[in-house]
N, C-alpha and C. Protein backbone atom coordinates (compact mmCIF):
# COMPACT_ATOMS: atom_id res chain seq x y z
N MET A 1 95.02 125.08 90.31
CA MET A 1 96.37 125.57 90.36
C MET A 1 96.35 127.07 90.70
N LYS A 2 97.48 127.57 91.17
CA LYS A 2 97.52 128.97 91.62
C LYS A 2 97.40 129.96 90.47
N PHE A 3 98.03 129.62 89.35
CA PHE A 3 98.03 130.50 88.17
C PHE A 3 98.44 129.64 86.98
N ALA A 4 98.37 130.21 85.79
CA ALA A 4 98.82 129.49 84.59
C ALA A 4 99.08 130.49 83.48
N ASP A 5 99.98 130.14 82.57
CA ASP A 5 100.22 130.99 81.41
C ASP A 5 99.46 130.46 80.20
N LEU A 6 99.53 131.18 79.10
CA LEU A 6 98.78 130.82 77.89
C LEU A 6 99.16 129.42 77.40
N ASN A 7 100.44 129.11 77.39
CA ASN A 7 100.88 127.81 76.87
C ASN A 7 100.30 126.65 77.68
N ALA A 8 100.32 126.77 79.01
CA ALA A 8 99.80 125.71 79.87
C ALA A 8 98.30 125.52 79.66
N ILE A 9 97.56 126.63 79.55
CA ILE A 9 96.10 126.55 79.36
C ILE A 9 95.77 125.96 78.00
N HIS A 10 96.54 126.36 76.99
CA HIS A 10 96.35 125.80 75.65
C HIS A 10 96.58 124.29 75.66
N GLN A 11 97.66 123.85 76.30
CA GLN A 11 97.98 122.43 76.34
C GLN A 11 96.93 121.63 77.12
N LYS A 12 96.43 122.21 78.20
CA LYS A 12 95.47 121.50 79.05
C LYS A 12 94.08 121.42 78.43
N PHE A 13 93.59 122.51 77.84
CA PHE A 13 92.18 122.59 77.45
C PHE A 13 91.90 122.74 75.96
N PHE A 14 92.90 123.15 75.16
CA PHE A 14 92.62 123.49 73.76
C PHE A 14 93.46 122.70 72.77
N LEU A 15 94.20 121.71 73.23
CA LEU A 15 95.08 120.96 72.34
C LEU A 15 94.28 120.08 71.38
N ASN A 16 93.16 119.54 71.85
CA ASN A 16 92.32 118.69 71.01
C ASN A 16 91.10 119.48 70.53
N LEU A 17 90.94 119.57 69.22
CA LEU A 17 89.81 120.29 68.65
C LEU A 17 88.57 119.39 68.63
N ARG A 18 87.40 119.98 68.48
CA ARG A 18 86.15 119.21 68.44
C ARG A 18 86.14 118.22 67.28
N SER A 19 86.89 118.54 66.23
CA SER A 19 86.97 117.66 65.06
C SER A 19 87.81 116.42 65.32
N GLY A 20 88.52 116.43 66.47
CA GLY A 20 89.41 115.32 66.79
C GLY A 20 90.85 115.58 66.39
N GLU A 21 91.07 116.65 65.63
CA GLU A 21 92.43 117.00 65.21
C GLU A 21 93.14 117.77 66.33
N ARG A 22 94.46 117.92 66.14
CA ARG A 22 95.27 118.71 67.07
C ARG A 22 95.27 120.17 66.62
N SER A 23 95.20 121.09 67.56
CA SER A 23 95.23 122.51 67.22
C SER A 23 96.63 122.88 66.71
N LYS A 24 96.67 123.78 65.75
CA LYS A 24 97.93 124.20 65.16
C LYS A 24 98.48 125.47 65.78
N SER A 25 97.63 126.15 66.59
CA SER A 25 98.08 127.38 67.23
C SER A 25 97.30 127.58 68.52
N ASP A 26 97.65 128.63 69.26
CA ASP A 26 96.96 128.92 70.52
C ASP A 26 95.88 129.98 70.34
N TRP A 27 95.42 130.18 69.10
CA TRP A 27 94.49 131.27 68.82
C TRP A 27 93.21 131.15 69.63
N TRP A 28 92.59 129.94 69.67
CA TRP A 28 91.33 129.77 70.39
C TRP A 28 91.51 129.98 71.89
N ALA A 29 92.61 129.51 72.42
CA ALA A 29 92.89 129.70 73.84
C ALA A 29 93.07 131.18 74.14
N ARG A 30 93.80 131.86 73.29
CA ARG A 30 94.04 133.30 73.48
C ARG A 30 92.74 134.09 73.44
N GLU A 31 91.85 133.74 72.50
CA GLU A 31 90.57 134.43 72.38
C GLU A 31 89.71 134.20 73.62
N ARG A 32 89.62 132.93 74.07
CA ARG A 32 88.80 132.62 75.23
C ARG A 32 89.31 133.33 76.49
N LEU A 33 90.61 133.34 76.69
CA LEU A 33 91.18 134.01 77.85
C LEU A 33 90.92 135.52 77.80
N GLY A 34 90.99 136.07 76.59
CA GLY A 34 90.70 137.50 76.43
C GLY A 34 89.27 137.83 76.83
N LEU A 35 88.33 136.98 76.44
CA LEU A 35 86.92 137.19 76.79
C LEU A 35 86.69 137.06 78.30
N LEU A 36 87.31 136.06 78.90
CA LEU A 36 87.15 135.86 80.34
C LEU A 36 87.72 137.03 81.13
N LYS A 37 88.84 137.57 80.65
CA LYS A 37 89.42 138.73 81.32
C LYS A 37 88.54 139.96 81.11
N GLN A 38 88.03 140.13 79.90
CA GLN A 38 87.18 141.27 79.57
C GLN A 38 85.94 141.32 80.46
N HIS A 39 85.40 140.17 80.81
CA HIS A 39 84.18 140.12 81.61
C HIS A 39 84.45 139.94 83.11
N GLY A 40 85.71 140.04 83.51
CA GLY A 40 86.03 140.09 84.93
C GLY A 40 86.27 138.76 85.62
N PHE A 41 86.37 137.67 84.84
CA PHE A 41 86.58 136.36 85.45
C PHE A 41 88.06 136.03 85.65
N LEU A 42 88.91 136.72 84.92
CA LEU A 42 90.36 136.53 85.04
C LEU A 42 91.07 137.86 85.17
N LYS A 43 92.23 137.84 85.79
CA LYS A 43 93.12 138.99 85.79
C LYS A 43 94.51 138.48 85.44
N THR A 44 95.39 139.39 85.04
CA THR A 44 96.72 138.98 84.59
C THR A 44 97.81 139.62 85.43
N LYS A 45 98.92 138.94 85.46
CA LYS A 45 100.11 139.42 86.15
C LYS A 45 101.30 139.12 85.25
N ARG A 46 102.14 140.11 85.02
CA ARG A 46 103.31 139.92 84.16
C ARG A 46 104.59 140.11 84.96
N PHE A 47 105.50 139.18 84.80
CA PHE A 47 106.81 139.28 85.44
C PHE A 47 107.87 139.54 84.37
N THR A 48 108.64 140.60 84.56
CA THR A 48 109.66 140.95 83.57
C THR A 48 110.75 139.89 83.48
N PHE A 49 111.04 139.21 84.61
CA PHE A 49 112.12 138.22 84.58
C PHE A 49 111.75 136.96 83.80
N SER A 50 110.46 136.71 83.61
CA SER A 50 110.05 135.54 82.83
C SER A 50 109.59 135.91 81.43
N GLY A 51 109.18 137.18 81.28
CA GLY A 51 108.72 137.63 79.97
C GLY A 51 107.36 137.12 79.57
N LYS A 52 106.62 136.54 80.53
CA LYS A 52 105.30 135.97 80.23
C LYS A 52 104.21 136.61 81.08
N THR A 53 102.98 136.47 80.60
CA THR A 53 101.81 136.92 81.34
C THR A 53 101.13 135.70 81.95
N TYR A 54 100.71 135.84 83.21
CA TYR A 54 100.08 134.73 83.92
C TYR A 54 98.66 135.11 84.31
N PHE A 55 97.77 134.14 84.24
CA PHE A 55 96.35 134.35 84.50
C PHE A 55 95.98 133.83 85.88
N LEU A 56 95.17 134.62 86.60
CA LEU A 56 94.64 134.22 87.89
C LEU A 56 93.12 134.38 87.87
N ALA A 57 92.43 133.51 88.56
CA ALA A 57 90.98 133.64 88.69
C ALA A 57 90.64 134.80 89.62
N THR A 58 89.48 135.42 89.41
CA THR A 58 89.02 136.52 90.24
C THR A 58 87.93 136.04 91.20
N LYS A 59 87.51 136.92 92.08
CA LYS A 59 86.41 136.60 93.00
C LYS A 59 85.13 136.31 92.22
N LEU A 60 84.93 137.03 91.12
CA LEU A 60 83.75 136.80 90.29
C LEU A 60 83.76 135.38 89.71
N ALA A 61 84.93 134.90 89.29
CA ALA A 61 85.04 133.54 88.77
C ALA A 61 84.73 132.52 89.87
N HIS A 62 85.19 132.80 91.08
CA HIS A 62 84.94 131.91 92.21
C HIS A 62 83.44 131.81 92.50
N ILE A 63 82.75 132.94 92.49
CA ILE A 63 81.31 132.96 92.72
C ILE A 63 80.58 132.21 91.62
N ALA A 64 81.00 132.43 90.37
CA ALA A 64 80.35 131.77 89.23
C ALA A 64 80.51 130.26 89.30
N LEU A 65 81.69 129.79 89.65
CA LEU A 65 81.92 128.34 89.74
C LEU A 65 81.09 127.72 90.86
N LYS A 66 81.03 128.40 92.00
CA LYS A 66 80.24 127.89 93.12
C LYS A 66 78.77 127.80 92.75
N ASN A 67 78.28 128.78 92.00
CA ASN A 67 76.88 128.77 91.59
C ASN A 67 76.60 127.68 90.54
N MET A 68 77.57 127.45 89.66
CA MET A 68 77.39 126.47 88.59
C MET A 68 77.53 125.04 89.11
N ARG A 69 78.44 124.84 90.06
CA ARG A 69 78.72 123.49 90.55
C ARG A 69 78.77 123.53 92.07
N SER A 70 77.63 123.67 92.67
CA SER A 70 77.56 123.84 94.12
C SER A 70 78.01 122.60 94.89
N HIS A 71 78.04 121.44 94.23
CA HIS A 71 78.45 120.20 94.90
C HIS A 71 79.96 120.11 95.07
N ARG A 72 80.71 120.97 94.39
CA ARG A 72 82.16 120.94 94.47
C ARG A 72 82.69 122.08 95.33
N GLY A 73 83.83 121.86 95.95
CA GLY A 73 84.45 122.91 96.74
C GLY A 73 85.56 123.59 95.94
N TYR A 74 85.60 124.90 95.99
CA TYR A 74 86.62 125.66 95.27
C TYR A 74 87.38 126.55 96.25
N VAL A 75 88.69 126.51 96.17
CA VAL A 75 89.49 127.37 97.04
C VAL A 75 89.35 128.81 96.57
N ARG A 76 89.52 129.73 97.49
CA ARG A 76 89.41 131.14 97.14
C ARG A 76 90.54 131.56 96.19
N PRO A 77 90.27 132.46 95.27
CA PRO A 77 91.31 132.89 94.32
C PRO A 77 92.40 133.71 95.01
N LEU A 78 93.58 133.66 94.44
CA LEU A 78 94.71 134.42 94.97
C LEU A 78 94.64 135.87 94.50
N GLU A 79 95.07 136.77 95.38
CA GLU A 79 95.14 138.18 95.00
C GLU A 79 96.40 138.45 94.18
N GLU A 80 97.49 137.76 94.54
CA GLU A 80 98.78 137.97 93.88
C GLU A 80 99.50 136.64 93.72
N ILE A 81 100.52 136.62 92.86
CA ILE A 81 101.40 135.47 92.72
C ILE A 81 102.57 135.65 93.67
N ASP A 82 102.84 134.65 94.48
CA ASP A 82 103.93 134.72 95.45
C ASP A 82 105.26 134.45 94.73
N VAL A 83 106.09 135.48 94.65
CA VAL A 83 107.37 135.35 93.94
C VAL A 83 108.27 134.32 94.61
N ARG A 84 108.13 134.15 95.93
CA ARG A 84 109.00 133.23 96.66
C ARG A 84 108.79 131.78 96.24
N THR A 85 107.57 131.43 95.84
CA THR A 85 107.28 130.05 95.43
C THR A 85 106.99 129.94 93.93
N PHE A 86 107.25 131.02 93.19
CA PHE A 86 106.89 131.08 91.78
C PHE A 86 107.52 129.95 90.97
N ASP A 87 108.83 129.76 91.11
CA ASP A 87 109.53 128.74 90.32
C ASP A 87 108.97 127.34 90.64
N HIS A 88 108.76 127.07 91.90
CA HIS A 88 108.20 125.78 92.31
C HIS A 88 106.81 125.57 91.73
N ASP A 89 105.95 126.58 91.87
CA ASP A 89 104.57 126.46 91.40
C ASP A 89 104.51 126.27 89.88
N LEU A 90 105.38 126.97 89.17
CA LEU A 90 105.40 126.86 87.71
C LEU A 90 105.84 125.46 87.28
N ARG A 91 106.82 124.90 87.98
CA ARG A 91 107.30 123.57 87.63
C ARG A 91 106.28 122.48 87.99
N VAL A 92 105.50 122.71 89.03
CA VAL A 92 104.43 121.77 89.35
C VAL A 92 103.45 121.68 88.19
N ILE A 93 103.10 122.84 87.61
CA ILE A 93 102.20 122.86 86.46
C ILE A 93 102.80 122.07 85.30
N GLU A 94 104.08 122.30 85.02
CA GLU A 94 104.75 121.60 83.92
C GLU A 94 104.77 120.09 84.16
N ALA A 95 105.06 119.68 85.39
CA ALA A 95 105.09 118.26 85.71
C ALA A 95 103.70 117.65 85.60
N ARG A 96 102.70 118.36 86.07
CA ARG A 96 101.32 117.86 85.99
C ARG A 96 100.92 117.64 84.53
N LEU A 97 101.17 118.62 83.68
CA LEU A 97 100.81 118.51 82.27
C LEU A 97 101.52 117.33 81.62
N ALA A 98 102.80 117.13 81.96
CA ALA A 98 103.55 116.01 81.39
C ALA A 98 102.95 114.68 81.82
N LEU A 99 102.63 114.54 83.10
CA LEU A 99 102.05 113.30 83.61
C LEU A 99 100.70 113.03 82.95
N GLU A 100 99.90 114.07 82.76
CA GLU A 100 98.59 113.89 82.14
C GLU A 100 98.73 113.53 80.66
N GLN A 101 99.67 114.15 79.96
CA GLN A 101 99.89 113.82 78.55
C GLN A 101 100.35 112.38 78.38
N LEU A 102 101.12 111.89 79.33
CA LEU A 102 101.63 110.52 79.29
C LEU A 102 100.59 109.50 79.76
N GLY A 103 99.43 109.98 80.18
CA GLY A 103 98.38 109.08 80.65
C GLY A 103 98.65 108.50 82.03
N ARG A 104 99.49 109.18 82.78
CA ARG A 104 99.88 108.67 84.09
C ARG A 104 99.17 109.36 85.24
N ALA A 105 98.41 110.41 84.98
CA ALA A 105 97.75 111.15 86.07
C ALA A 105 96.38 111.64 85.64
N ALA A 106 95.44 111.58 86.60
CA ALA A 106 94.09 112.11 86.39
C ALA A 106 93.55 112.55 87.75
N ASN A 107 92.49 113.35 87.72
CA ASN A 107 91.83 113.81 88.95
C ASN A 107 92.82 114.46 89.93
N TRP A 108 93.55 115.41 89.43
CA TRP A 108 94.59 116.10 90.20
C TRP A 108 93.97 116.94 91.32
N VAL A 109 94.48 116.78 92.52
CA VAL A 109 94.07 117.59 93.67
C VAL A 109 95.27 118.44 94.07
N SER A 110 95.15 119.75 93.93
CA SER A 110 96.30 120.63 94.11
C SER A 110 96.64 120.86 95.58
N GLU A 111 97.81 121.43 95.78
CA GLU A 111 98.28 121.76 97.13
C GLU A 111 97.31 122.67 97.85
N ARG A 112 96.75 123.66 97.16
CA ARG A 112 95.82 124.59 97.79
C ARG A 112 94.55 123.86 98.23
N GLN A 113 94.10 122.91 97.44
CA GLN A 113 92.92 122.13 97.84
C GLN A 113 93.22 121.26 99.06
N LEU A 114 94.41 120.67 99.08
CA LEU A 114 94.81 119.83 100.22
C LEU A 114 94.87 120.63 101.50
N LYS A 115 95.39 121.84 101.40
CA LYS A 115 95.52 122.69 102.59
C LYS A 115 94.17 123.22 103.07
N SER A 116 93.22 123.31 102.17
CA SER A 116 91.89 123.82 102.57
C SER A 116 91.02 122.73 103.17
N ASP A 117 91.38 121.47 102.92
CA ASP A 117 90.60 120.34 103.44
C ASP A 117 91.57 119.24 103.86
N LEU A 118 91.90 119.20 105.14
CA LEU A 118 92.91 118.26 105.65
C LEU A 118 92.52 116.81 105.41
N ALA A 119 91.23 116.54 105.28
CA ALA A 119 90.78 115.17 105.05
C ALA A 119 91.29 114.63 103.72
N LEU A 120 91.49 115.51 102.73
CA LEU A 120 91.97 115.08 101.43
C LEU A 120 93.37 114.50 101.52
N ALA A 121 94.16 114.99 102.49
CA ALA A 121 95.53 114.49 102.69
C ALA A 121 95.60 113.56 103.88
N SER A 122 94.47 112.91 104.18
CA SER A 122 94.39 111.92 105.27
C SER A 122 94.85 112.47 106.61
N GLY A 123 94.58 113.77 106.84
CA GLY A 123 94.90 114.37 108.12
C GLY A 123 96.36 114.67 108.36
N LEU A 124 97.20 114.59 107.32
CA LEU A 124 98.62 114.91 107.49
C LEU A 124 98.80 116.37 107.91
N PRO A 125 99.68 116.64 108.87
CA PRO A 125 99.99 118.03 109.21
C PRO A 125 100.52 118.76 107.97
N ARG A 126 100.37 120.05 107.93
CA ARG A 126 100.71 120.81 106.73
C ARG A 126 102.16 120.62 106.28
N GLN A 127 103.08 120.49 107.25
CA GLN A 127 104.49 120.37 106.86
C GLN A 127 104.80 119.05 106.17
N TYR A 128 103.88 118.10 106.28
CA TYR A 128 104.09 116.80 105.63
C TYR A 128 103.21 116.60 104.40
N GLN A 129 102.35 117.55 104.12
CA GLN A 129 101.44 117.38 102.98
C GLN A 129 102.20 117.44 101.66
N PRO A 130 101.81 116.59 100.70
CA PRO A 130 102.46 116.61 99.39
C PRO A 130 102.03 117.83 98.57
N ASP A 131 102.66 117.98 97.42
CA ASP A 131 102.30 119.08 96.52
C ASP A 131 101.00 118.81 95.78
N ALA A 132 100.60 117.55 95.72
CA ALA A 132 99.34 117.19 95.06
C ALA A 132 99.05 115.72 95.33
N ILE A 133 97.81 115.34 95.07
CA ILE A 133 97.43 113.93 95.04
C ILE A 133 96.69 113.71 93.72
N TYR A 134 96.98 112.60 93.06
CA TYR A 134 96.34 112.30 91.78
C TYR A 134 96.08 110.80 91.69
N GLN A 135 95.36 110.40 90.66
CA GLN A 135 95.13 108.98 90.40
C GLN A 135 96.04 108.53 89.27
N ASN A 136 96.75 107.42 89.47
CA ASN A 136 97.62 106.91 88.41
C ASN A 136 96.80 106.14 87.38
N LYS A 137 97.46 105.54 86.39
CA LYS A 137 96.74 104.88 85.30
C LYS A 137 95.96 103.66 85.76
N HIS A 138 96.24 103.18 86.97
CA HIS A 138 95.49 102.06 87.53
C HIS A 138 94.35 102.52 88.45
N GLY A 139 94.17 103.84 88.54
CA GLY A 139 93.12 104.38 89.39
C GLY A 139 93.47 104.47 90.86
N GLU A 140 94.76 104.30 91.17
CA GLU A 140 95.21 104.34 92.56
C GLU A 140 95.63 105.76 92.95
N PRO A 141 95.31 106.21 94.17
CA PRO A 141 95.73 107.54 94.61
C PRO A 141 97.22 107.59 94.88
N MET A 142 97.86 108.61 94.35
CA MET A 142 99.31 108.80 94.50
C MET A 142 99.60 110.21 95.02
N ALA A 143 100.62 110.33 95.85
CA ALA A 143 101.08 111.64 96.29
C ALA A 143 102.17 112.12 95.33
N PHE A 144 102.19 113.43 95.09
CA PHE A 144 103.19 114.03 94.20
C PHE A 144 104.02 115.04 94.98
N GLU A 145 105.34 114.91 94.86
CA GLU A 145 106.26 115.83 95.51
C GLU A 145 107.27 116.35 94.50
N LEU A 146 107.36 117.66 94.36
CA LEU A 146 108.37 118.28 93.50
C LEU A 146 109.45 118.89 94.38
N GLU A 147 110.69 118.48 94.13
CA GLU A 147 111.82 119.00 94.90
C GLU A 147 112.64 119.92 94.02
N VAL A 148 112.48 121.23 94.22
CA VAL A 148 113.19 122.22 93.42
C VAL A 148 114.56 122.52 94.00
N SER A 149 114.63 122.71 95.31
CA SER A 149 115.89 123.03 95.98
C SER A 149 116.23 121.94 96.98
N ALA A 150 117.53 121.78 97.22
CA ALA A 150 118.00 120.72 98.11
C ALA A 150 117.67 121.03 99.57
N LYS A 151 117.22 120.01 100.29
CA LYS A 151 116.99 120.10 101.73
C LYS A 151 117.94 119.14 102.42
N SER A 152 117.96 119.16 103.73
CA SER A 152 118.83 118.25 104.45
C SER A 152 118.32 116.82 104.31
N LYS A 153 119.23 115.87 104.39
CA LYS A 153 118.85 114.47 104.27
C LYS A 153 117.89 114.06 105.38
N ASP A 154 118.07 114.64 106.56
CA ASP A 154 117.18 114.32 107.69
C ASP A 154 115.73 114.74 107.40
N ARG A 155 115.55 115.87 106.74
CA ARG A 155 114.20 116.33 106.42
C ARG A 155 113.52 115.39 105.44
N TYR A 156 114.28 114.95 104.44
CA TYR A 156 113.72 113.98 103.50
C TYR A 156 113.35 112.68 104.21
N ALA A 157 114.26 112.22 105.07
CA ALA A 157 114.03 110.96 105.78
C ALA A 157 112.79 111.05 106.67
N ASP A 158 112.61 112.19 107.32
CA ASP A 158 111.46 112.38 108.20
C ASP A 158 110.16 112.32 107.41
N LYS A 159 110.11 113.00 106.27
CA LYS A 159 108.89 112.99 105.45
C LYS A 159 108.62 111.60 104.90
N ILE A 160 109.65 110.90 104.47
CA ILE A 160 109.49 109.56 103.92
C ILE A 160 108.94 108.62 104.98
N ARG A 161 109.44 108.72 106.22
CA ARG A 161 108.91 107.89 107.31
C ARG A 161 107.43 108.16 107.53
N LYS A 162 107.05 109.43 107.48
CA LYS A 162 105.64 109.79 107.67
C LYS A 162 104.78 109.19 106.55
N TYR A 163 105.28 109.27 105.32
CA TYR A 163 104.55 108.71 104.19
C TYR A 163 104.43 107.19 104.31
N VAL A 164 105.49 106.52 104.72
CA VAL A 164 105.47 105.06 104.87
C VAL A 164 104.43 104.66 105.91
N ASP A 165 104.40 105.38 107.03
CA ASP A 165 103.40 105.08 108.07
C ASP A 165 101.99 105.20 107.52
N LEU A 166 101.73 106.26 106.75
CA LEU A 166 100.40 106.46 106.20
C LEU A 166 100.05 105.37 105.20
N MET A 167 100.99 104.99 104.35
CA MET A 167 100.71 103.98 103.34
C MET A 167 100.48 102.61 103.96
N ARG A 168 101.12 102.33 105.08
CA ARG A 168 100.85 101.08 105.79
C ARG A 168 99.42 101.05 106.32
N GLN A 169 98.95 102.20 106.77
CA GLN A 169 97.56 102.29 107.23
C GLN A 169 96.59 102.08 106.07
N VAL A 170 96.96 102.60 104.90
CA VAL A 170 96.12 102.43 103.71
C VAL A 170 96.07 100.95 103.33
N ASP A 171 97.20 100.28 103.41
CA ASP A 171 97.23 98.84 103.11
C ASP A 171 96.33 98.05 104.06
N ALA A 172 96.15 98.61 105.26
CA ALA A 172 95.30 97.94 106.25
C ALA A 172 93.83 98.34 106.13
N GLY A 173 93.52 99.18 105.12
CA GLY A 173 92.12 99.53 104.88
C GLY A 173 91.77 100.98 105.11
N ALA A 174 92.73 101.79 105.57
CA ALA A 174 92.46 103.21 105.79
C ALA A 174 92.45 103.97 104.46
N GLN A 175 91.99 105.21 104.52
CA GLN A 175 91.93 106.04 103.32
C GLN A 175 93.22 106.83 103.17
N GLY A 176 93.66 107.03 101.93
CA GLY A 176 94.89 107.79 101.69
C GLY A 176 95.52 107.39 100.37
N PHE A 177 96.78 107.73 100.17
CA PHE A 177 97.46 107.39 98.91
C PHE A 177 98.31 106.14 99.08
N ARG A 178 98.50 105.44 97.95
CA ARG A 178 99.18 104.14 97.97
C ARG A 178 100.63 104.22 97.51
N GLY A 179 101.03 105.34 96.99
CA GLY A 179 102.40 105.49 96.52
C GLY A 179 102.77 106.96 96.43
N VAL A 180 104.06 107.23 96.24
CA VAL A 180 104.54 108.61 96.18
C VAL A 180 105.47 108.75 94.98
N LEU A 181 105.23 109.78 94.19
CA LEU A 181 106.14 110.15 93.10
C LEU A 181 106.92 111.38 93.51
N PHE A 182 108.23 111.23 93.63
CA PHE A 182 109.13 112.35 93.86
C PHE A 182 109.72 112.76 92.51
N VAL A 183 109.64 114.04 92.18
CA VAL A 183 110.28 114.57 90.97
C VAL A 183 111.34 115.56 91.41
N ALA A 184 112.60 115.25 91.10
CA ALA A 184 113.73 116.04 91.56
C ALA A 184 114.30 116.89 90.43
N CYS A 185 114.59 118.14 90.75
CA CYS A 185 115.15 119.06 89.76
C CYS A 185 116.67 119.02 89.72
N HIS A 186 117.31 118.35 90.68
CA HIS A 186 118.77 118.29 90.73
C HIS A 186 119.22 116.85 90.94
N ASP A 187 120.32 116.49 90.30
CA ASP A 187 120.84 115.12 90.39
C ASP A 187 121.17 114.74 91.82
N HIS A 188 121.69 115.70 92.60
CA HIS A 188 122.07 115.43 93.99
C HIS A 188 120.85 114.98 94.80
N VAL A 189 119.75 115.68 94.65
CA VAL A 189 118.52 115.34 95.36
C VAL A 189 117.96 114.02 94.84
N PHE A 190 118.05 113.81 93.54
CA PHE A 190 117.60 112.54 92.94
C PHE A 190 118.33 111.36 93.59
N GLY A 191 119.63 111.51 93.80
CA GLY A 191 120.42 110.45 94.41
C GLY A 191 120.04 110.20 95.86
N ILE A 192 119.86 111.28 96.61
CA ILE A 192 119.47 111.14 98.02
C ILE A 192 118.14 110.42 98.16
N LEU A 193 117.15 110.83 97.37
CA LEU A 193 115.82 110.23 97.45
C LEU A 193 115.84 108.75 97.05
N ASN A 194 116.65 108.43 96.05
CA ASN A 194 116.79 107.02 95.67
C ASN A 194 117.35 106.19 96.80
N ASP A 195 118.37 106.72 97.47
CA ASP A 195 118.99 106.00 98.59
C ASP A 195 118.00 105.78 99.73
N LEU A 196 117.24 106.82 100.05
CA LEU A 196 116.33 106.76 101.20
C LEU A 196 115.11 105.88 100.96
N THR A 197 114.72 105.73 99.72
CA THR A 197 113.47 105.00 99.42
C THR A 197 113.71 103.60 98.86
N ARG A 198 114.96 103.24 98.62
CA ARG A 198 115.25 101.97 97.95
C ARG A 198 114.66 100.75 98.67
N ARG A 199 114.66 100.77 99.99
CA ARG A 199 114.20 99.59 100.73
C ARG A 199 112.66 99.50 100.80
N HIS A 200 112.00 100.55 100.40
CA HIS A 200 110.53 100.53 100.40
C HIS A 200 110.04 100.18 99.00
N ASP A 201 110.24 98.96 98.62
CA ASP A 201 110.01 98.51 97.25
C ASP A 201 108.56 98.76 96.81
N GLY A 202 108.43 99.46 95.70
CA GLY A 202 107.12 99.69 95.11
C GLY A 202 106.32 100.85 95.67
N LYS A 203 106.77 101.43 96.77
CA LYS A 203 106.02 102.53 97.39
C LYS A 203 106.41 103.90 96.82
N PHE A 204 107.65 104.02 96.36
CA PHE A 204 108.15 105.31 95.91
C PHE A 204 108.71 105.20 94.49
N ARG A 205 108.51 106.27 93.74
CA ARG A 205 109.10 106.38 92.41
C ARG A 205 109.82 107.72 92.35
N ILE A 206 111.08 107.69 91.91
CA ILE A 206 111.90 108.91 91.86
C ILE A 206 112.23 109.20 90.41
N GLU A 207 111.94 110.40 89.96
CA GLU A 207 112.22 110.79 88.58
C GLU A 207 112.87 112.16 88.53
N LYS A 208 113.52 112.43 87.39
CA LYS A 208 114.15 113.73 87.17
C LYS A 208 113.18 114.64 86.41
N PHE A 209 113.10 115.87 86.86
CA PHE A 209 112.14 116.83 86.29
C PHE A 209 112.32 116.98 84.78
N ASN A 210 113.54 117.23 84.34
CA ASN A 210 113.77 117.49 82.91
C ASN A 210 113.37 116.30 82.06
N GLU A 211 113.65 115.08 82.55
CA GLU A 211 113.31 113.89 81.78
C GLU A 211 111.79 113.71 81.69
N LEU A 212 111.08 114.00 82.77
CA LEU A 212 109.62 113.88 82.77
C LEU A 212 108.99 114.87 81.80
N VAL A 213 109.40 116.12 81.88
CA VAL A 213 108.83 117.16 81.01
C VAL A 213 109.15 116.88 79.54
N THR A 214 110.36 116.43 79.27
CA THR A 214 110.74 116.08 77.90
C THR A 214 109.89 114.93 77.38
N ALA A 215 109.66 113.92 78.20
CA ALA A 215 108.83 112.79 77.80
C ALA A 215 107.40 113.24 77.48
N GLY A 216 106.88 114.19 78.28
CA GLY A 216 105.55 114.72 78.02
C GLY A 216 105.48 115.46 76.70
N ALA A 217 106.53 116.25 76.40
CA ALA A 217 106.57 117.01 75.14
C ALA A 217 106.66 116.07 73.95
N VAL A 218 107.44 115.00 74.07
CA VAL A 218 107.56 114.01 72.99
C VAL A 218 106.22 113.34 72.73
N GLN A 219 105.49 113.06 73.81
CA GLN A 219 104.17 112.42 73.67
C GLN A 219 103.21 113.33 72.90
N VAL A 220 103.26 114.64 73.18
CA VAL A 220 102.41 115.59 72.46
C VAL A 220 102.75 115.59 70.98
N GLN A 221 104.04 115.57 70.68
CA GLN A 221 104.48 115.57 69.26
C GLN A 221 104.04 114.31 68.55
N LYS A 222 104.11 113.16 69.24
CA LYS A 222 103.68 111.90 68.64
C LYS A 222 102.20 111.95 68.28
N LYS A 223 101.40 112.49 69.18
CA LYS A 223 99.95 112.57 68.94
C LYS A 223 99.66 113.51 67.79
N GLU A 224 100.44 114.59 67.67
CA GLU A 224 100.23 115.55 66.58
C GLU A 224 100.54 114.90 65.25
N VAL A 225 101.63 114.12 65.20
CA VAL A 225 102.02 113.45 63.97
C VAL A 225 101.04 112.34 63.62
N GLY A 226 100.62 111.58 64.69
CA GLY A 226 99.69 110.47 64.49
C GLY A 226 98.34 110.96 64.02
């Protein structure tokens, strides 16, 4: 992911303690992030409009990861957070965490990884690439699309046609994703996507952002109580 705040990192990596219990605070996450920043592996960026501090990997972290796991490819770290896509990127993180908490997503491949290796997105041109690809609970590859702002109906229809073509090739034995999850932040967009995808039974799933994130939070609370 491009960046993350303390809460997201705590939820992703520190929610389950070695004892098997749930963590009661973000103390361990805060300490670990402080050490990584102290030794040059992380840097921070604070936005006054959000009131939060966000962590980014440094070049040193990139070198360390490449040396530790040379078999994996790592995208280069960002120098800055792009304010123009900040809201979208932040919501992608929230949606990803919710899907993972619900047991619906694993092996997440981010937008930056897809753009650095076109083969991961089955050769789709950049304008058609999804925001991520992940494996669902059945182990099937799925494309993830987050719609923060409304676009024209023609643009949605064009992308959906491209996705349908690719999925038909996958059904015939080609490599790629077998379904698409659209997460809409506005009811208007939710309605448009439902209309456009209704006839493609089983290929598309349309959900509302707030409902997905709320379901993820409820799942975390259930596990804490259990």
